[in-house]
C-alpha atoms as a PDB file:
ATOM      1  CA  UNK A   1      65.589 114.027 112.078  1.00  0.00           C
ATOM      2  CA  UNK A   2      68.250 116.357 109.846  1.00  0.00           C
ATOM      3  CA  UNK A   3      69.431 114.686 106.671  1.00  0.00           C
ATOM      4  CA  UNK A   4      72.921 115.237 107.251  1.00  0.00           C
ATOM      5  CA  UNK A   5      73.465 113.851 110.317  1.00  0.00           C
ATOM      6  CA  UNK A   6      73.818 109.745 110.926  1.00  0.00           C
ATOM      7  CA  UNK A   7      75.875 108.705 114.305  1.00  0.00           C
ATOM      8  CA  UNK A   8      77.723 106.479 112.030  1.00  0.00           C
ATOM      9  CA  UNK A   9      81.351 108.128 113.781  1.00  0.00           C
ATOM     10  CA  UNK A  10      79.387 109.446 116.957  1.00  0.00           C
ATOM     11  CA  UNK A  11      76.278 110.205 117.776  1.00  0.00           C
ATOM     12  CA  UNK A  12      75.041 113.363 119.443  1.00  0.00           C
ATOM     13  CA  UNK A  13      73.922 114.190 122.783  1.00  0.00           C
ATOM     14  CA  UNK A  14      71.199 116.866 123.189  1.00  0.00           C
ATOM     15  CA  UNK A  15      69.345 117.978 126.109  1.00  0.00           C
ATOM     16  CA  UNK A  16      66.007 116.093 126.892  1.00  0.00           C
ATOM     17  CA  UNK A  17      64.149 119.261 125.830  1.00  0.00           C
ATOM     18  CA  UNK A  18      65.880 119.974 122.447  1.00  0.00           C
ATOM     19  CA  UNK A  19      63.896 116.009 121.772  1.00  0.00           C
ATOM     20  CA  UNK A  20      61.051 116.118 123.197  1.00  0.00           C
ATOM     21  CA  UNK A  21      61.699 115.246 126.807  1.00  0.00           C
ATOM     22  CA  UNK A  22      61.140 115.501 130.119  1.00  0.00           C
ATOM     23  CA  UNK A  23      64.537 115.714 131.537  1.00  0.00           C
ATOM     24  CA  UNK A  24      63.487 115.538 134.866  1.00  0.00           C
ATOM     25  CA  UNK A  25      61.297 112.849 133.937  1.00  0.00           C
ATOM     26  CA  UNK A  26      64.404 111.019 132.891  1.00  0.00           C
ATOM     27  CA  UNK A  27      66.693 111.914 135.343  1.00  0.00           C
ATOM     28  CA  UNK A  28      63.890 109.322 138.192  1.00  0.00           C
ATOM     29  CA  UNK A  29      64.896 106.651 135.700  1.00  0.00           C
ATOM     30  CA  UNK A  30      68.573 106.497 137.731  1.00  0.00           C
ATOM     31  CA  UNK A  31      67.503 105.617 140.801  1.00  0.00           C
ATOM     32  CA  UNK A  32      64.773 103.527 139.932  1.00  0.00           C
ATOM     33  CA  UNK A  33      67.286 101.686 137.643  1.00  0.00           C
ATOM     34  CA  UNK A  34      69.125 101.295 141.283  1.00  0.00           C
ATOM     35  CA  UNK A  35      66.877 100.362 142.723  1.00  0.00           C
ATOM     36  CA  UNK A  36      64.988  97.801 140.690  1.00  0.00           C
ATOM     37  CA  UNK A  37      66.443  96.707 137.599  1.00  0.00           C
ATOM     38  CA  UNK A  38      70.401  96.242 139.588  1.00  0.00           C
ATOM     39  CA  UNK A  39      71.567  93.862 136.730  1.00  0.00           C
ATOM     40  CA  UNK A  40      71.098  96.536 134.577  1.00  0.00           C
ATOM     41  CA  UNK A  41      74.516  97.720 133.436  1.00  0.00           C
ATOM     42  CA  UNK A  42      74.192 100.293 130.408  1.00  0.00           C
ATOM     43  CA  UNK A  43      71.330 102.251 129.308  1.00  0.00           C
ATOM     44  CA  UNK A  44      70.806 104.209 126.221  1.00  0.00           C
ATOM     45  CA  UNK A  45      67.917 106.436 125.199  1.00  0.00           C
ATOM     46  CA  UNK A  46      67.399 107.895 121.614  1.00  0.00           C
ATOM     47  CA  UNK A  47      64.986 110.074 120.458  1.00  0.00           C
ATOM     48  CA  UNK A  48      64.533 111.860 117.261  1.00  0.00           C
ATOM     49  CA  UNK A  49      67.993 110.252 116.200  1.00  0.00           C
ATOM     50  CA  UNK A  50      69.945 112.088 119.253  1.00  0.00           C
ATOM     51  CA  UNK A  51      71.287 110.516 123.003  1.00  0.00           C
ATOM     52  CA  UNK A  52      68.250 111.706 125.222  1.00  0.00           C
ATOM     53  CA  UNK A  53      69.565 110.061 127.995  1.00  0.00           C
ATOM     54  CA  UNK A  54      72.729 107.490 128.861  1.00  0.00           C
ATOM     55  CA  UNK A  55      73.595 105.761 132.226  1.00  0.00           C
ATOM     56  CA  UNK A  56      76.103 103.274 132.857  1.00  0.00           C
ATOM     57  CA  UNK A  57      76.055 101.233 136.217  1.00  0.00           C
ATOM     58  CA  UNK A  58      78.056  98.638 137.897  1.00  0.00           C
ATOM     59  CA  UNK A  59      81.147  99.800 137.148  1.00  0.00           C
ATOM     60  CA  UNK A  60      80.461  99.831 133.174  1.00  0.00           C
ATOM     61  CA  UNK A  61      81.044 102.387 130.618  1.00  0.00           C
ATOM     62  CA  UNK A  62      80.107 103.155 126.919  1.00  0.00           C
ATOM     63  CA  UNK A  63      82.901 101.762 125.601  1.00  0.00           C
ATOM     64  CA  UNK A  64      82.168  98.103 127.322  1.00  0.00           C
ATOM     65  CA  UNK A  65      80.429  95.594 124.928  1.00  0.00           C
ATOM     66  CA  UNK A  66      77.745  93.525 126.709  1.00  0.00           C
ATOM     67  CA  UNK A  67      76.746  89.425 126.384  1.00  0.00           C
ATOM     68  CA  UNK A  68      72.863  90.698 124.900  1.00  0.00           C
ATOM     69  CA  UNK A  69      72.074  86.938 124.758  1.00  0.00           C
ATOM     70  CA  UNK A  70      68.953  86.506 122.293  1.00  0.00           C
ATOM     71  CA  UNK A  71      69.302  90.247 121.284  1.00  0.00           C
ATOM     72  CA  UNK A  72      71.554  88.103 118.784  1.00  0.00           C
ATOM     73  CA  UNK A  73      68.553  86.419 116.746  1.00  0.00           C
ATOM     74  CA  UNK A  74      67.151  89.778 115.418  1.00  0.00           C
ATOM     75  CA  UNK A  75      70.876  90.467 114.613  1.00  0.00           C
ATOM     76  CA  UNK A  76      70.994  87.327 112.345  1.00  0.00           C
ATOM     77  CA  UNK A  77      67.163  88.090 110.901  1.00  0.00           C
ATOM     78  CA  UNK A  78      68.579  91.732 109.620  1.00  0.00           C
ATOM     79  CA  UNK A  79      71.587  89.721 108.256  1.00  0.00           C
ATOM     80  CA  UNK A  80      69.190  86.321 106.351  1.00  0.00           C
ATOM     81  CA  UNK A  81      67.211  89.488 104.942  1.00  0.00           C
ATOM     82  CA  UNK A  82      70.413  91.377 103.415  1.00  0.00           C
ATOM     83  CA  UNK A  83      71.502  87.556 102.151  1.00  0.00           C
ATOM     84  CA  UNK A  84      68.478  87.636 100.060  1.00  0.00           C
ATOM     85  CA  UNK A  85      68.538  91.340  99.328  1.00  0.00           C
ATOM     86  CA  UNK A  86      72.301  90.863  97.722  1.00  0.00           C
ATOM     87  CA  UNK A  87      71.111  87.205  96.210  1.00  0.00           C
ATOM     88  CA  UNK A  88      72.571  85.311  98.381  1.00  0.00           C
ATOM     89  CA  UNK A  89      69.103  83.251  99.137  1.00  0.00           C
ATOM     90  CA  UNK A  90      66.663  82.942  97.370  1.00  0.00           C
ATOM     91  CA  UNK A  91      63.672  84.298  99.521  1.00  0.00           C
ATOM     92  CA  UNK A  92      62.473  83.195 102.811  1.00  0.00           C
ATOM     93  CA  UNK A  93      60.299  80.488 101.107  1.00  0.00           C
ATOM     94  CA  UNK A  94      63.610  78.694 100.170  1.00  0.00           C
ATOM     95  CA  UNK A  95      63.468  75.201 101.796  1.00  0.00           C
ATOM     96  CA  UNK A  96      65.631  74.848 104.594  1.00  0.00           C
ATOM     97  CA  UNK A  97      67.254  71.670 102.732  1.00  0.00           C
ATOM     98  CA  UNK A  98      68.317  73.066  99.548  1.00  0.00           C
ATOM     99  CA  UNK A  99      71.205  74.587 101.941  1.00  0.00           C
ATOM    100  CA  UNK A 100      72.486  71.164 102.935  1.00  0.00           C
ATOM    101  CA  UNK A 101      72.337  68.602 100.227  1.00  0.00           C
ATOM    102  CA  UNK A 102      74.475  66.324 101.566  1.00  0.00           C
ATOM    103  CA  UNK A 103      71.682  65.916 104.673  1.00  0.00           C
ATOM    104  CA  UNK A 104      69.976  62.826 103.468  1.00  0.00           C
ATOM    105  CA  UNK A 105      66.910  62.630 105.592  1.00  0.00           C
ATOM    106  CA  UNK A 106      64.844  59.671 106.931  1.00  0.00           C
ATOM    107  CA  UNK A 107      62.412  58.915 104.269  1.00  0.00           C
ATOM    108  CA  UNK A 108      59.799  58.576 107.015  1.00  0.00           C
ATOM    109  CA  UNK A 109      60.082  62.955 108.473  1.00  0.00           C
ATOM    110  CA  UNK A 110      58.274  64.309 105.361  1.00  0.00           C
ATOM    111  CA  UNK A 111      58.000  67.313 107.026  1.00  0.00           C
ATOM    112  CA  UNK A 112      61.383  68.175 107.563  1.00  0.00           C
ATOM    113  CA  UNK A 113      61.505  68.731 103.745  1.00  0.00           C
ATOM    114  CA  UNK A 114      58.475  71.064 103.758  1.00  0.00           C
ATOM    115  CA  UNK A 115      60.304  73.432 106.270  1.00  0.00           C
ATOM    116  CA  UNK A 116      61.381  76.922 105.064  1.00  0.00           C
ATOM    117  CA  UNK A 117      63.578  80.166 105.813  1.00  0.00           C
ATOM    118  CA  UNK A 118      59.543  81.419 107.326  1.00  0.00           C
ATOM    119  CA  UNK A 119      59.781  78.850 109.745  1.00  0.00           C
ATOM    120  CA  UNK A 120      62.502  79.525 111.244  1.00  0.00           C
ATOM    121  CA  UNK A 121      62.854  83.119 111.092  1.00  0.00           C
ATOM    122  CA  UNK A 122      59.187  83.154 113.091  1.00  0.00           C
ATOM    123  CA  UNK A 123      59.238  79.950 115.094  1.00  0.00           C
ATOM    124  CA  UNK A 124      56.531  78.066 113.453  1.00  0.00           C
ATOM    125  CA  UNK A 125      59.008  74.984 112.581  1.00  0.00           C
ATOM    126  CA  UNK A 126      58.131  71.497 113.966  1.00  0.00           C
ATOM    127  CA  UNK A 127      60.291  70.320 116.771  1.00  0.00           C
ATOM    128  CA  UNK A 128      59.725  67.029 119.466  1.00  0.00           C
ATOM    129  CA  UNK A 129      59.809  69.484 122.389  1.00  0.00           C
ATOM    130  CA  UNK A 130      57.484  71.372 124.280  1.00  0.00           C
ATOM    131  CA  UNK A 131      57.506  74.807 123.640  1.00  0.00           C
ATOM    132  CA  UNK A 132      59.943  76.647 125.775  1.00  0.00           C
ATOM    133  CA  UNK A 133      61.512  73.843 126.741  1.00  0.00           C
ATOM    134  CA  UNK A 134      64.060  73.298 124.431  1.00  0.00           C
ATOM    135  CA  UNK A 135      67.131  71.182 125.117  1.00  0.00           C
ATOM    136  CA  UNK A 136      69.823  73.409 123.978  1.00  0.00           C
ATOM    137  CA  UNK A 137      72.609  71.716 126.251  1.00  0.00           C
ATOM    138  CA  UNK A 138      72.428  68.634 123.817  1.00  0.00           C
ATOM    139  CA  UNK A 139      73.223  70.545 121.255  1.00  0.00           C
ATOM    140  CA  UNK A 140      76.162  72.719 122.998  1.00  0.00           C
ATOM    141  CA  UNK A 141      77.681  69.361 123.256  1.00  0.00           C
ATOM    142  CA  UNK A 142      77.610  68.264 120.101  1.00  0.00           C
ATOM    143  CA  UNK A 143      80.120  68.197 117.864  1.00  0.00           C
ATOM    144  CA  UNK A 144      78.202  68.966 115.243  1.00  0.00           C
ATOM    145  CA  UNK A 145      75.111  71.752 115.958  1.00  0.00           C
ATOM    146  CA  UNK A 146      73.693  71.771 112.214  1.00  0.00           C
ATOM    147  CA  UNK A 147      73.573  68.149 111.892  1.00  0.00           C
ATOM    148  CA  UNK A 148      72.297  67.695 115.458  1.00  0.00           C
ATOM    149  CA  UNK A 149      69.051  71.053 114.643  1.00  0.00           C
ATOM    150  CA  UNK A 150      69.057  69.350 110.917  1.00  0.00           C
ATOM    151  CA  UNK A 151      68.565  66.165 113.465  1.00  0.00           C
ATOM    152  CA  UNK A 152      65.797  67.772 115.095  1.00  0.00           C
ATOM    153  CA  UNK A 153      63.936  69.539 112.553  1.00  0.00           C
ATOM    154  CA  UNK A 154      60.496  68.121 111.649  1.00  0.00           C
ATOM    155  CA  UNK A 155      60.068  65.807 114.254  1.00  0.00           C
ATOM    156  CA  UNK A 156      56.267  65.818 115.466  1.00  0.00           C
ATOM    157  CA  UNK A 157      54.621  68.792 115.992  1.00  0.00           C
ATOM    158  CA  UNK A 158      53.295  70.421 113.218  1.00  0.00           C
ATOM    159  CA  UNK A 159      54.571  73.254 110.874  1.00  0.00           C
ATOM    160  CA  UNK A 160      53.029  76.290 111.821  1.00  0.00           C
ATOM    161  CA  UNK A 161      52.624  76.097 115.734  1.00  0.00           C
ATOM    162  CA  UNK A 162      54.618  78.835 117.120  1.00  0.00           C
ATOM    163  CA  UNK A 163      57.571  77.175 119.025  1.00  0.00           C
ATOM    164  CA  UNK A 164      60.558  79.147 120.379  1.00  0.00           C
ATOM    165  CA  UNK A 165      63.962  77.000 119.466  1.00  0.00           C
ATOM    166  CA  UNK A 166      67.567  78.985 119.559  1.00  0.00           C
ATOM    167  CA  UNK A 167      68.528  76.031 117.676  1.00  0.00           C
ATOM    168  CA  UNK A 168      67.039  76.854 114.699  1.00  0.00           C
ATOM    169  CA  UNK A 169      68.886  80.313 114.136  1.00  0.00           C
ATOM    170  CA  UNK A 170      71.994  78.778 114.270  1.00  0.00           C
ATOM    171  CA  UNK A 171      70.609  76.853 110.894  1.00  0.00           C
ATOM    172  CA  UNK A 172      70.247  79.883 109.900  1.00  0.00           C
ATOM    173  CA  UNK A 173      74.029  81.115 110.357  1.00  0.00           C
ATOM    174  CA  UNK A 174      74.934  77.851 108.713  1.00  0.00           C
ATOM    175  CA  UNK A 175      72.403  78.998 105.968  1.00  0.00           C
ATOM    176  CA  UNK A 176      74.292  82.782 105.450  1.00  0.00           C
ATOM    177  CA  UNK A 177      78.276  80.520 105.187  1.00  0.00           C
ATOM    178  CA  UNK A 178      76.265  78.261 103.609  1.00  0.00           C
ATOM    179  CA  UNK A 179      74.815  80.633 100.690  1.00  0.00           C
ATOM    180  CA  UNK A 180      77.675  83.844 101.045  1.00  0.00           C
ATOM    181  CA  UNK A 181      80.921  81.807 101.712  1.00  0.00           C
ATOM    182  CA  UNK A 182      81.635  83.063 105.054  1.00  0.00           C
ATOM    183  CA  UNK A 183      80.591  83.212 108.496  1.00  0.00           C
ATOM    184  CA  UNK A 184      77.691  85.129 109.861  1.00  0.00           C
ATOM    185  CA  UNK A 185      80.205  86.985 111.938  1.00  0.00           C
ATOM    186  CA  UNK A 186      82.112  88.319 108.629  1.00  0.00           C
ATOM    187  CA  UNK A 187      78.827  89.218 106.682  1.00  0.00           C
ATOM    188  CA  UNK A 188      77.551  90.932 109.605  1.00  0.00           C
ATOM    189  CA  UNK A 189      81.096  93.057 109.654  1.00  0.00           C
ATOM    190  CA  UNK A 190      80.875  93.822 106.179  1.00  0.00           C
ATOM    191  CA  UNK A 191      77.339  94.356 105.301  1.00  0.00           C
ATOM    192  CA  UNK A 192      75.445  95.480 108.728  1.00  0.00           C
ATOM    193  CA  UNK A 193      78.041  96.746 110.998  1.00  0.00           C
ATOM    194  CA  UNK A 194      80.481  98.167 109.361  1.00  0.00           C
ATOM    195  CA  UNK A 195      77.672 100.502 106.978  1.00  0.00           C
ATOM    196  CA  UNK A 196      76.590 102.087 109.798  1.00  0.00           C
ATOM    197  CA  UNK A 197      79.787 102.232 112.363  1.00  0.00           C
ATOM    198  CA  UNK A 198      78.907  99.305 114.508  1.00  0.00           C
ATOM    199  CA  UNK A 199      82.265  98.056 115.867  1.00  0.00           C
ATOM    200  CA  UNK A 200      84.057  95.161 114.359  1.00  0.00           C
ATOM    201  CA  UNK A 201      83.736  92.409 115.777  1.00  0.00           C
ATOM    202  CA  UNK A 202      86.589  89.772 116.320  1.00  0.00           C
ATOM    203  CA  UNK A 203      87.316  86.215 115.179  1.00  0.00           C
ATOM    204  CA  UNK A 204      87.603  84.978 118.874  1.00  0.00           C
ATOM    205  CA  UNK A 205      89.195  81.590 117.983  1.00  0.00           C
ATOM    206  CA  UNK A 206      87.115  79.513 120.834  1.00  0.00           C
ATOM    207  CA  UNK A 207      88.999  76.335 122.256  1.00  0.00           C
ATOM    208  CA  UNK A 208      86.903  75.425 124.760  1.00  0.00           C
ATOM    209  CA  UNK A 209      82.957  75.348 124.417  1.00  0.00           C
ATOM    210  CA  UNK A 210      81.978  74.912 128.337  1.00  0.00           C
ATOM    211  CA  UNK A 211      79.627  77.233 129.417  1.00  0.00           C
ATOM    212  CA  UNK A 212      81.361  79.694 130.490  1.00  0.00           C
ATOM    213  CA  UNK A 213      82.955  80.290 127.034  1.00  0.00           C
ATOM    214  CA  UNK A 214      79.060  79.531 125.128  1.00  0.00           C
ATOM    215  CA  UNK A 215      76.948  81.715 128.053  1.00  0.00           C
ATOM    216  CA  UNK A 216      78.665  83.237 130.996  1.00  0.00           C
ATOM    217  CA  UNK A 217      81.735  85.375 131.596  1.00  0.00           C
ATOM    218  CA  UNK A 218      84.507  84.276 129.134  1.00  0.00           C
ATOM    219  CA  UNK A 219      82.345  85.089 125.832  1.00  0.00           C
ATOM    220  CA  UNK A 220      83.591  87.560 123.849  1.00  0.00           C
ATOM    221  CA  UNK A 221      83.067  88.991 120.215  1.00  0.00           C
ATOM    222  CA  UNK A 222      80.858  86.533 118.561  1.00  0.00           C
ATOM    223  CA  UNK A 223      80.739  82.800 120.277  1.00  0.00           C
ATOM    224  CA  UNK A 224      80.711  80.111 117.285  1.00  0.00           C
ATOM    225  CA  UNK A 225      80.422  76.597 117.633  1.00  0.00           C
ATOM    226  CA  UNK A 226      82.698  73.420 117.233  1.00  0.00           C
ATOM    227  CA  UNK A 227      83.237  73.932 113.880  1.00  0.00           C
ATOM    228  CA  UNK A 228      83.234  77.385 113.408  1.00  0.00           C
ATOM    229  CA  UNK A 229      79.628  77.859 112.359  1.00  0.00           C
ATOM    230  CA  UNK A 230      78.982  81.804 114.145  1.00  0.00           C
ATOM    231  CA  UNK A 231      76.446  80.933 117.106  1.00  0.00           C
ATOM    232  CA  UNK A 232      72.798  81.847 115.859  1.00  0.00           C
ATOM    233  CA  UNK A 233      70.635  82.503 118.773  1.00  0.00           C
ATOM    234  CA  UNK A 234      72.551  83.854 120.939  1.00  0.00           C
ATOM    235  CA  UNK A 235      76.424  84.555 121.886  1.00  0.00           C
ATOM    236  CA  UNK A 236      77.279  88.411 120.278  1.00  0.00           C
ATOM    237  CA  UNK A 237      78.509  91.564 122.205  1.00  0.00           C
ATOM    238  CA  UNK A 238      77.332  94.688 121.336  1.00  0.00           C
ATOM    239  CA  UNK A 239      78.251  98.357 123.143  1.00  0.00           C
ATOM    240  CA  UNK A 240      74.526  99.944 124.083  1.00  0.00           C
ATOM    241  CA  UNK A 241      75.726 102.466 122.058  1.00  0.00           C
ATOM    242  CA  UNK A 242      75.830  99.788 119.299  1.00  0.00           C
ATOM    243  CA  UNK A 243      72.734  98.271 120.218  1.00  0.00           C
ATOM    244  CA  UNK A 244      71.024 101.854 119.546  1.00  0.00           C
ATOM    245  CA  UNK A 245      72.336 102.109 115.923  1.00  0.00           C
ATOM    246  CA  UNK A 246      70.752  98.677 115.139  1.00  0.00           C
ATOM    247  CA  UNK A 247      67.419  99.791 116.248  1.00  0.00           C
ATOM    248  CA  UNK A 248      68.309 103.430 114.801  1.00  0.00           C
ATOM    249  CA  UNK A 249      68.652 101.377 111.304  1.00  0.00           C
ATOM    250  CA  UNK A 250      65.544  99.919 111.569  1.00  0.00           C
ATOM    251  CA  UNK A 251      63.430 102.715 113.037  1.00  0.00           C
ATOM    252  CA  UNK A 252      64.292 104.565 110.295  1.00  0.00           C
ATOM    253  CA  UNK A 253      63.521 101.349 107.422  1.00  0.00           C
ATOM    254  CA  UNK A 254      67.203 100.189 106.478  1.00  0.00           C
ATOM    255  CA  UNK A 255      68.094 103.613 105.193  1.00  0.00           C
ATOM    256  CA  UNK A 256      71.245 104.687 106.458  1.00  0.00           C
ATOM    257  CA  UNK A 257      72.640 108.335 105.279  1.00  0.00           C
ATOM    258  CA  UNK A 258      72.476 107.145 100.905  1.00  0.00           C
ATOM    259  CA  UNK A 259      72.653 103.994 101.238  1.00  0.00           C
ATOM    260  CA  UNK A 260      69.770 101.284 101.681  1.00  0.00           C
ATOM    261  CA  UNK A 261      71.146  98.509 103.778  1.00  0.00           C
ATOM    262  CA  UNK A 262      68.688  96.415 104.674  1.00  0.00           C
ATOM    263  CA  UNK A 263      65.335  96.785 102.165  1.00  0.00           C
ATOM    264  CA  UNK A 264      62.737  99.037 104.002  1.00  0.00           C
ATOM    265  CA  UNK A 265      60.417  95.684 102.911  1.00  0.00           C
ATOM    266  CA  UNK A 266      62.494  93.213 104.413  1.00  0.00           C
ATOM    267  CA  UNK A 267      61.893  95.392 107.962  1.00  0.00           C
ATOM    268  CA  UNK A 268      58.020  95.338 106.937  1.00  0.00           C
ATOM    269  CA  UNK A 269      57.862  92.142 107.222  1.00  0.00           C
ATOM    270  CA  UNK A 270      60.324  91.596 109.804  1.00  0.00           C
ATOM    271  CA  UNK A 271      57.995  93.282 112.152  1.00  0.00           C
ATOM    272  CA  UNK A 272      54.288  93.424 110.911  1.00  0.00           C
ATOM    273  CA  UNK A 273      51.897  92.255 113.910  1.00  0.00           C
ATOM    274  CA  UNK A 274      50.454  88.945 113.968  1.00  0.00           C
ATOM    275  CA  UNK A 275      48.531  86.409 116.111  1.00  0.00           C
ATOM    276  CA  UNK A 276      52.079  84.891 118.024  1.00  0.00           C
ATOM    277  CA  UNK A 277      53.028  88.156 118.057  1.00  0.00           C
ATOM    278  CA  UNK A 278      56.399  87.125 116.802  1.00  0.00           C
ATOM    279  CA  UNK A 279      57.777  88.500 113.375  1.00  0.00           C
ATOM    280  CA  UNK A 280      61.105  87.405 112.006  1.00  0.00           C
ATOM    281  CA  UNK A 281      63.295  87.307 114.894  1.00  0.00           C
ATOM    282  CA  UNK A 282      61.455  90.133 116.519  1.00  0.00           C
ATOM    283  CA  UNK A 283      59.020  90.353 119.500  1.00  0.00           C
ATOM    284  CA  UNK A 284      55.915  92.874 118.834  1.00  0.00           C
ATOM    285  CA  UNK A 285      54.052  94.763 121.042  1.00  0.00           C
ATOM    286  CA  UNK A 286      51.365  96.614 120.743  1.00  0.00           C
ATOM    287  CA  UNK A 287      49.430  98.745 124.339  1.00  0.00           C
ATOM    288  CA  UNK A 288      47.765 101.746 125.111  1.00  0.00           C
ATOM    289  CA  UNK A 289      47.766 102.302 120.942  1.00  0.00           C
ATOM    290  CA  UNK A 290      52.240 102.379 120.800  1.00  0.00           C
ATOM    291  CA  UNK A 291      53.041  99.761 118.763  1.00  0.00           C
ATOM    292  CA  UNK A 292      56.487  98.473 119.684  1.00  0.00           C
ATOM    293  CA  UNK A 293      58.789  96.073 118.109  1.00  0.00           C
ATOM    294  CA  UNK A 294      61.863  94.426 120.565  1.00  0.00           C
ATOM    295  CA  UNK A 295      65.202  92.376 120.056  1.00  0.00           C
ATOM    296  CA  UNK A 296      64.797  90.574 123.413  1.00  0.00           C
ATOM    297  CA  UNK A 297      67.907  88.399 125.325  1.00  0.00           C
ATOM    298  CA  UNK A 298      67.586  86.859 128.420  1.00  0.00           C
ATOM    299  CA  UNK A 299      68.911  89.247 131.821  1.00  0.00           C
ATOM    300  CA  UNK A 300      67.353  91.855 130.470  1.00  0.00           C
ATOM    301  CA  UNK A 301      68.889  92.875 126.730  1.00  0.00           C
ATOM    302  CA  UNK A 302      66.648  95.140 125.266  1.00  0.00           C
ATOM    303  CA  UNK A 303      66.637  97.174 121.690  1.00  0.00           C
ATOM    304  CA  UNK A 304      63.103  98.384 122.133  1.00  0.00           C
ATOM    305  CA  UNK A 305      61.961 100.239 118.462  1.00  0.00           C
ATOM    306  CA  UNK A 306      58.562 102.740 118.798  1.00  0.00           C
ATOM    307  CA  UNK A 307      57.909 103.772 115.348  1.00  0.00           C
ATOM    308  CA  UNK A 308      55.166 106.265 116.247  1.00  0.00           C
ATOM    309  CA  UNK A 309      57.287 108.217 119.087  1.00  0.00           C
ATOM    310  CA  UNK A 310      60.832 108.165 117.036  1.00  0.00           C
ATOM    311  CA  UNK A 311      62.383 106.029 119.805  1.00  0.00           C
ATOM    312  CA  UNK A 312      64.821 103.415 120.749  1.00  0.00           C
ATOM    313  CA  UNK A 313      65.364 102.324 124.266  1.00  0.00           C
ATOM    314  CA  UNK A 314      69.366  99.703 124.281  1.00  0.00           C
ATOM    315  CA  UNK A 315      69.291  98.665 127.900  1.00  0.00           C
ATOM    316  CA  UNK A 316      72.566  95.963 128.155  1.00  0.00           C
ATOM    317  CA  UNK A 317      71.856  93.818 131.532  1.00  0.00           C
ATOM    318  CA  UNK A 318      74.153  91.313 133.497  1.00  0.00           C
ATOM    319  CA  UNK A 319      72.818  87.595 133.172  1.00  0.00           C
ATOM    320  CA  UNK A 320      69.488  86.940 136.324  1.00  0.00           C
ATOM    321  CA  UNK A 321      67.204  84.289 136.438  1.00  0.00           C
ATOM    322  CA  UNK A 322      63.747  86.558 136.066  1.00  0.00           C
ATOM    323  CA  UNK A 323      64.998  89.787 135.993  1.00  0.00           C
ATOM    324  CA  UNK A 324      62.303  92.848 135.873  1.00  0.00           C
ATOM    325  CA  UNK A 325      60.351  93.360 132.854  1.00  0.00           C
ATOM    326  CA  UNK A 326      61.746  95.685 131.023  1.00  0.00           C
ATOM    327  CA  UNK A 327      58.834  96.647 128.701  1.00  0.00           C
ATOM    328  CA  UNK A 328      57.393  97.966 132.347  1.00  0.00           C
ATOM    329  CA  UNK A 329      60.390 100.520 132.834  1.00  0.00           C
ATOM    330  CA  UNK A 330      60.218 101.263 128.963  1.00  0.00           C
ATOM    331  CA  UNK A 331      56.164 101.543 128.863  1.00  0.00           C
ATOM    332  CA  UNK A 332      56.214 103.416 132.628  1.00  0.00           C
ATOM    333  CA  UNK A 333      59.280 105.427 133.078  1.00  0.00           C
ATOM    334  CA  UNK A 334      60.683 106.375 129.050  1.00  0.00           C
ATOM    335  CA  UNK A 335      57.278 106.553 126.832  1.00  0.00           C
ATOM    336  CA  UNK A 336      55.107 109.338 130.006  1.00  0.00           C
ATOM    337  CA  UNK A 337      59.126 111.295 129.704  1.00  0.00           C
ATOM    338  CA  UNK A 338      58.154 112.401 125.740  1.00  0.00           C
ATOM    339  CA  UNK A 339      56.477 115.636 126.151  1.00  0.00           C
ATOM    340  CA  UNK A 340      55.436 116.724 122.286  1.00  0.00           C
END
């Protein structure tokens, strides 16, 4: 990628062949999406820093923002890294309860005092629920999501065992607010979105917290809890092009132009392969010699970064139950279109 070009204001769109991709193979993706991935609303494929393929479906266009569900978690991971770089947070081994001095845990639950930011980031904090059976609805009905999650934290289980928790990522958002004095949404606008040309996320002043407000058709901007804390695990709306910008930033080790937006060290730690195949709120995959890290959200929302191919794939989707795995589309139709 030429150092003089960064897609801050606008993406360059070039012929796939000039970016080392087969235009015929890419054009076949449209038919495949229509027949097998009908809930995809937008897809952007970036190769060597330029858009090689971009299409929209179901009446959507490039300016339309989509609720990217748990892709939000990977954005929050970036904010924690930025907050550490800026010295708002000491580091990932700082204890969670350091940020909530008013919270007095049950003396019998000693594990709660040992949980660190690292455990929240890599999903190895202890909770009472079984893995993938988190009662998220209970948190959403509670007037104080932070208090609810602190109460749940450290109950049963053991530190170090993988257990996926969306409530845990909400604690990370609350920690950003405690440390920096502003919401994670405001922090993201100032230190992440603005520097790389992503759209500013407005405050929509939520007045209702029903299902459609939190997860469904009324989601816009970035969801917050009843206390005004930005939702940590979901609720962010992004355009596919802005999703691609975020992936592009990570592919270039946090550098954007002459500015180091996120430290390269943070990104390396965030996507380092491990036994759980889960980094700091990023899913990790290595298949057929290709390493990828992915921000994944329900319904098939994806930001897929493949460093060895200088490739970013951003996919925005409507929520449906059990959508077809987007990795299949990337592995079988996008990676094979690379011809150099």
